C-alpha cells in the first residue's frame, strides 16, 4: 500500500511541475506573448486568471492521460488462466 501512495505522490509532483510551462503554452495559444507589454491592470488580472485556467486544465489533462494509459495497460494484460491439477 505504501508503494502505491508513493507512486501517486510522485505523479502528483510531476503533474504540478509539468503544468507550469503548459499554462504558458495555454496563454500563447490565445496570443498573450512577451510582446504584449503595455497592459492595463484589468488586462493583467485577466491574463493571470487565464494562466490559472490553463494550469489547472493542463494538470487535469496530465492526470486523465495517466489514467487512460493505466487503463490500457490493465486491459492489455493477458488474463491468468487457473491451472487445474
N, C-alpha and C. Protein backbone atom coordinates (compact mmCIF):
# COMPACT_ATOMS: atom_id res chain seq x y z
N UNK A 1 0.82 -1.19 0.00
CA UNK A 1 0.00 0.00 0.00
C UNK A 1 0.87 1.26 0.00
N UNK A 2 1.97 1.22 0.71
CA UNK A 2 2.85 2.37 0.77
C UNK A 2 3.49 2.68 -0.57
N UNK A 3 3.73 1.64 -1.37
CA UNK A 3 4.32 1.83 -2.69
C UNK A 3 3.35 2.55 -3.62
N UNK A 4 2.06 2.24 -3.51
CA UNK A 4 1.03 2.88 -4.33
C UNK A 4 0.92 4.36 -3.97
N UNK A 5 0.94 4.67 -2.69
CA UNK A 5 0.85 6.06 -2.24
C UNK A 5 2.08 6.84 -2.69
N UNK A 6 3.24 6.24 -2.59
CA UNK A 6 4.47 6.91 -3.03
C UNK A 6 4.44 7.18 -4.52
N UNK A 7 3.97 6.22 -5.31
CA UNK A 7 3.89 6.41 -6.77
C UNK A 7 2.91 7.52 -7.12
N UNK A 8 1.77 7.56 -6.45
CA UNK A 8 0.79 8.63 -6.71
C UNK A 8 1.34 9.99 -6.30
N UNK A 9 2.10 10.04 -5.21
CA UNK A 9 2.69 11.30 -4.78
C UNK A 9 3.70 11.80 -5.82
N UNK A 10 4.51 10.90 -6.35
CA UNK A 10 5.47 11.28 -7.39
C UNK A 10 4.73 11.79 -8.62
N UNK A 11 3.66 11.11 -9.04
CA UNK A 11 2.88 11.58 -10.19
C UNK A 11 2.25 12.93 -9.92
N UNK A 12 1.82 13.18 -8.69
CA UNK A 12 1.26 14.49 -8.33
C UNK A 12 2.30 15.58 -8.51
N UNK A 13 3.51 15.35 -8.01
CA UNK A 13 4.58 16.34 -8.12
C UNK A 13 4.95 16.56 -9.59
N UNK A 14 5.07 15.48 -10.36
CA UNK A 14 5.40 15.60 -11.78
C UNK A 14 4.32 16.39 -12.52
N UNK A 15 3.07 16.11 -12.24
CA UNK A 15 1.97 16.81 -12.91
C UNK A 15 1.95 18.29 -12.52
N UNK A 16 2.22 18.60 -11.26
CA UNK A 16 2.25 20.00 -10.83
C UNK A 16 3.37 20.77 -11.51
N UNK A 17 4.53 20.15 -11.65
CA UNK A 17 5.68 20.82 -12.28
C UNK A 17 5.48 20.92 -13.80
N UNK A 18 4.98 19.87 -14.41
CA UNK A 18 4.80 19.89 -15.87
C UNK A 18 3.69 20.85 -16.29
N UNK A 19 2.77 21.15 -15.41
CA UNK A 19 1.67 22.06 -15.74
C UNK A 19 2.12 23.52 -15.78
N UNK A 20 3.22 23.85 -15.15
CA UNK A 20 3.70 25.24 -15.17
C UNK A 20 3.99 25.73 -16.58
N UNK A 21 4.84 25.05 -17.36
CA UNK A 21 5.06 25.56 -18.72
C UNK A 21 3.85 25.36 -19.63
N UNK A 22 3.02 24.37 -19.35
CA UNK A 22 1.84 24.16 -20.19
C UNK A 22 0.82 25.27 -19.99
N UNK A 23 0.81 25.90 -18.82
CA UNK A 23 -0.03 27.07 -18.60
C UNK A 23 0.41 28.24 -19.47
N UNK A 24 1.71 28.39 -19.65
CA UNK A 24 2.25 29.44 -20.52
C UNK A 24 1.90 29.13 -21.98
N UNK A 25 1.96 27.87 -22.36
CA UNK A 25 1.56 27.48 -23.71
C UNK A 25 0.09 27.81 -23.94
N UNK A 26 -0.71 27.63 -22.92
CA UNK A 26 -2.14 27.97 -23.00
C UNK A 26 -2.31 29.47 -23.28
N UNK A 27 -1.53 30.31 -22.60
CA UNK A 27 -1.58 31.76 -22.86
C UNK A 27 -1.09 32.07 -24.27
N UNK A 28 -0.04 31.41 -24.71
CA UNK A 28 0.50 31.62 -26.05
C UNK A 28 -0.53 31.28 -27.11
N UNK A 29 -1.32 30.25 -26.85
CA UNK A 29 -2.36 29.83 -27.78
C UNK A 29 -3.37 30.95 -28.01
N UNK A 30 -3.65 31.75 -26.98
CA UNK A 30 -4.60 32.85 -27.10
C UNK A 30 -3.94 34.17 -27.49
N UNK A 31 -2.64 34.14 -27.74
CA UNK A 31 -1.96 35.32 -28.26
C UNK A 31 -1.32 36.22 -27.22
N UNK A 32 -1.20 35.77 -25.99
CA UNK A 32 -0.55 36.57 -24.95
C UNK A 32 0.90 36.14 -24.85
N UNK A 33 1.77 36.89 -25.54
CA UNK A 33 3.19 36.56 -25.57
C UNK A 33 3.97 37.69 -24.89
N UNK A 34 5.29 37.60 -24.94
CA UNK A 34 6.14 38.62 -24.33
C UNK A 34 5.98 39.98 -25.00
N UNK A 35 5.60 39.98 -26.27
CA UNK A 35 5.49 41.23 -26.99
C UNK A 35 4.35 42.11 -26.47
N UNK A 36 3.40 41.51 -25.78
CA UNK A 36 2.28 42.26 -25.20
C UNK A 36 2.74 42.79 -23.85
N UNK A 37 3.21 44.07 -23.84
CA UNK A 37 3.82 44.62 -22.63
C UNK A 37 2.95 45.68 -21.99
N UNK A 38 2.40 46.57 -22.77
CA UNK A 38 1.63 47.70 -22.24
C UNK A 38 0.18 47.29 -22.00
N UNK A 39 -0.06 46.73 -20.83
CA UNK A 39 -1.40 46.26 -20.49
C UNK A 39 -1.93 47.01 -19.30
N UNK A 40 -3.24 47.17 -19.25
CA UNK A 40 -3.86 47.82 -18.09
C UNK A 40 -3.94 46.82 -16.94
N UNK A 41 -4.36 47.30 -15.79
CA UNK A 41 -4.47 46.45 -14.60
C UNK A 41 -5.52 45.36 -14.82
N UNK A 42 -6.62 45.71 -15.46
CA UNK A 42 -7.67 44.73 -15.73
C UNK A 42 -7.19 43.64 -16.67
N UNK A 43 -6.41 44.01 -17.67
CA UNK A 43 -5.88 43.00 -18.59
C UNK A 43 -4.86 42.11 -17.91
N UNK A 44 -4.07 42.67 -17.00
CA UNK A 44 -3.11 41.84 -16.24
C UNK A 44 -3.84 40.81 -15.40
N UNK A 45 -4.94 41.22 -14.74
CA UNK A 45 -5.73 40.27 -13.95
C UNK A 45 -6.34 39.19 -14.84
N UNK A 46 -6.81 39.61 -16.02
CA UNK A 46 -7.39 38.67 -16.97
C UNK A 46 -6.35 37.63 -17.39
N UNK A 47 -5.14 38.08 -17.68
CA UNK A 47 -4.08 37.16 -18.09
C UNK A 47 -3.72 36.22 -16.95
N UNK A 48 -3.69 36.72 -15.72
CA UNK A 48 -3.40 35.86 -14.57
C UNK A 48 -4.44 34.75 -14.44
N UNK A 49 -5.73 35.10 -14.56
CA UNK A 49 -6.78 34.09 -14.45
C UNK A 49 -6.74 33.12 -15.62
N UNK A 50 -6.39 33.63 -16.80
CA UNK A 50 -6.24 32.73 -17.95
C UNK A 50 -5.10 31.74 -17.71
N UNK A 51 -4.00 32.22 -17.09
CA UNK A 51 -2.89 31.32 -16.78
C UNK A 51 -3.33 30.24 -15.79
N UNK A 52 -4.07 30.63 -14.77
CA UNK A 52 -4.55 29.65 -13.79
C UNK A 52 -5.48 28.62 -14.43
N UNK A 53 -6.34 29.07 -15.32
CA UNK A 53 -7.22 28.13 -16.02
C UNK A 53 -6.39 27.17 -16.85
N UNK A 54 -5.40 27.68 -17.57
CA UNK A 54 -4.52 26.83 -18.37
C UNK A 54 -3.73 25.87 -17.51
N UNK A 55 -3.28 26.34 -16.34
CA UNK A 55 -2.51 25.49 -15.43
C UNK A 55 -3.36 24.31 -14.94
N UNK A 56 -4.56 24.60 -14.47
CA UNK A 56 -5.42 23.53 -13.95
C UNK A 56 -5.92 22.62 -15.06
N UNK A 57 -6.18 23.17 -16.24
CA UNK A 57 -6.58 22.32 -17.37
C UNK A 57 -5.44 21.38 -17.74
N UNK A 58 -4.21 21.87 -17.72
CA UNK A 58 -3.05 21.03 -18.02
C UNK A 58 -2.88 19.95 -16.96
N UNK A 59 -3.04 20.32 -15.71
CA UNK A 59 -2.92 19.36 -14.61
C UNK A 59 -3.95 18.24 -14.76
N UNK A 60 -5.19 18.62 -15.02
CA UNK A 60 -6.23 17.60 -15.20
C UNK A 60 -5.98 16.76 -16.45
N UNK A 61 -5.49 17.38 -17.50
CA UNK A 61 -5.18 16.65 -18.71
C UNK A 61 -4.09 15.61 -18.50
N UNK A 62 -3.07 15.98 -17.73
CA UNK A 62 -1.99 15.03 -17.43
C UNK A 62 -2.53 13.85 -16.64
N UNK A 63 -3.37 14.11 -15.65
CA UNK A 63 -3.93 13.02 -14.86
C UNK A 63 -4.88 12.15 -15.67
N UNK A 64 -5.68 12.76 -16.54
CA UNK A 64 -6.58 11.97 -17.38
C UNK A 64 -5.78 11.07 -18.31
N UNK A 65 -4.73 11.61 -18.92
CA UNK A 65 -3.89 10.79 -19.80
C UNK A 65 -3.22 9.66 -19.02
N UNK A 66 -2.83 9.94 -17.79
CA UNK A 66 -2.21 8.90 -16.96
C UNK A 66 -3.19 7.78 -16.67
N UNK A 67 -4.44 8.13 -16.34
CA UNK A 67 -5.44 7.11 -16.07
C UNK A 67 -5.82 6.33 -17.32
N UNK A 68 -5.84 6.99 -18.47
CA UNK A 68 -6.11 6.28 -19.72
C UNK A 68 -5.00 5.28 -20.01
N UNK A 69 -3.74 5.71 -19.84
CA UNK A 69 -2.61 4.80 -20.07
C UNK A 69 -2.65 3.64 -19.09
N UNK A 70 -3.00 3.91 -17.84
CA UNK A 70 -3.08 2.85 -16.84
C UNK A 70 -4.20 1.87 -17.19
N UNK A 71 -5.32 2.38 -17.69
CA UNK A 71 -6.44 1.51 -18.08
C UNK A 71 -6.07 0.63 -19.26
N UNK A 72 -5.40 1.22 -20.26
CA UNK A 72 -4.99 0.43 -21.43
C UNK A 72 -4.00 -0.65 -21.01
N UNK A 73 -3.08 -0.30 -20.11
CA UNK A 73 -2.10 -1.28 -19.64
C UNK A 73 -2.80 -2.42 -18.91
N UNK A 74 -3.79 -2.09 -18.09
CA UNK A 74 -4.50 -3.11 -17.33
C UNK A 74 -5.32 -4.00 -18.26
N UNK A 75 -5.97 -3.39 -19.24
CA UNK A 75 -6.81 -4.18 -20.15
C UNK A 75 -6.01 -5.01 -21.13
N UNK A 76 -4.78 -4.61 -21.41
CA UNK A 76 -3.98 -5.35 -22.39
C UNK A 76 -3.19 -6.50 -21.76
N UNK A 77 -3.21 -6.61 -20.44
CA UNK A 77 -2.53 -7.74 -19.80
C UNK A 77 -3.28 -9.03 -20.13
N UNK A 78 -2.54 -10.09 -20.40
CA UNK A 78 -3.23 -11.37 -20.64
C UNK A 78 -3.83 -11.88 -19.33
N UNK A 79 -5.01 -12.47 -19.46
CA UNK A 79 -5.68 -13.00 -18.27
C UNK A 79 -4.98 -14.27 -17.82
N UNK A 80 -4.87 -14.40 -16.53
CA UNK A 80 -4.25 -15.60 -15.98
C UNK A 80 -5.29 -16.71 -15.93
N UNK A 81 -4.94 -17.81 -16.55
CA UNK A 81 -5.84 -18.97 -16.59
C UNK A 81 -5.48 -19.86 -15.42
N UNK A 82 -6.48 -20.22 -14.61
CA UNK A 82 -6.15 -21.10 -13.49
C UNK A 82 -5.72 -22.49 -13.98
N UNK A 83 -4.69 -23.01 -13.34
CA UNK A 83 -4.14 -24.31 -13.71
C UNK A 83 -4.85 -25.39 -12.90
N UNK A 84 -5.37 -26.36 -13.62
CA UNK A 84 -6.06 -27.47 -12.93
C UNK A 84 -5.08 -28.63 -12.79
N UNK A 85 -5.09 -29.25 -11.65
CA UNK A 85 -4.21 -30.41 -11.40
C UNK A 85 -4.89 -31.70 -11.72
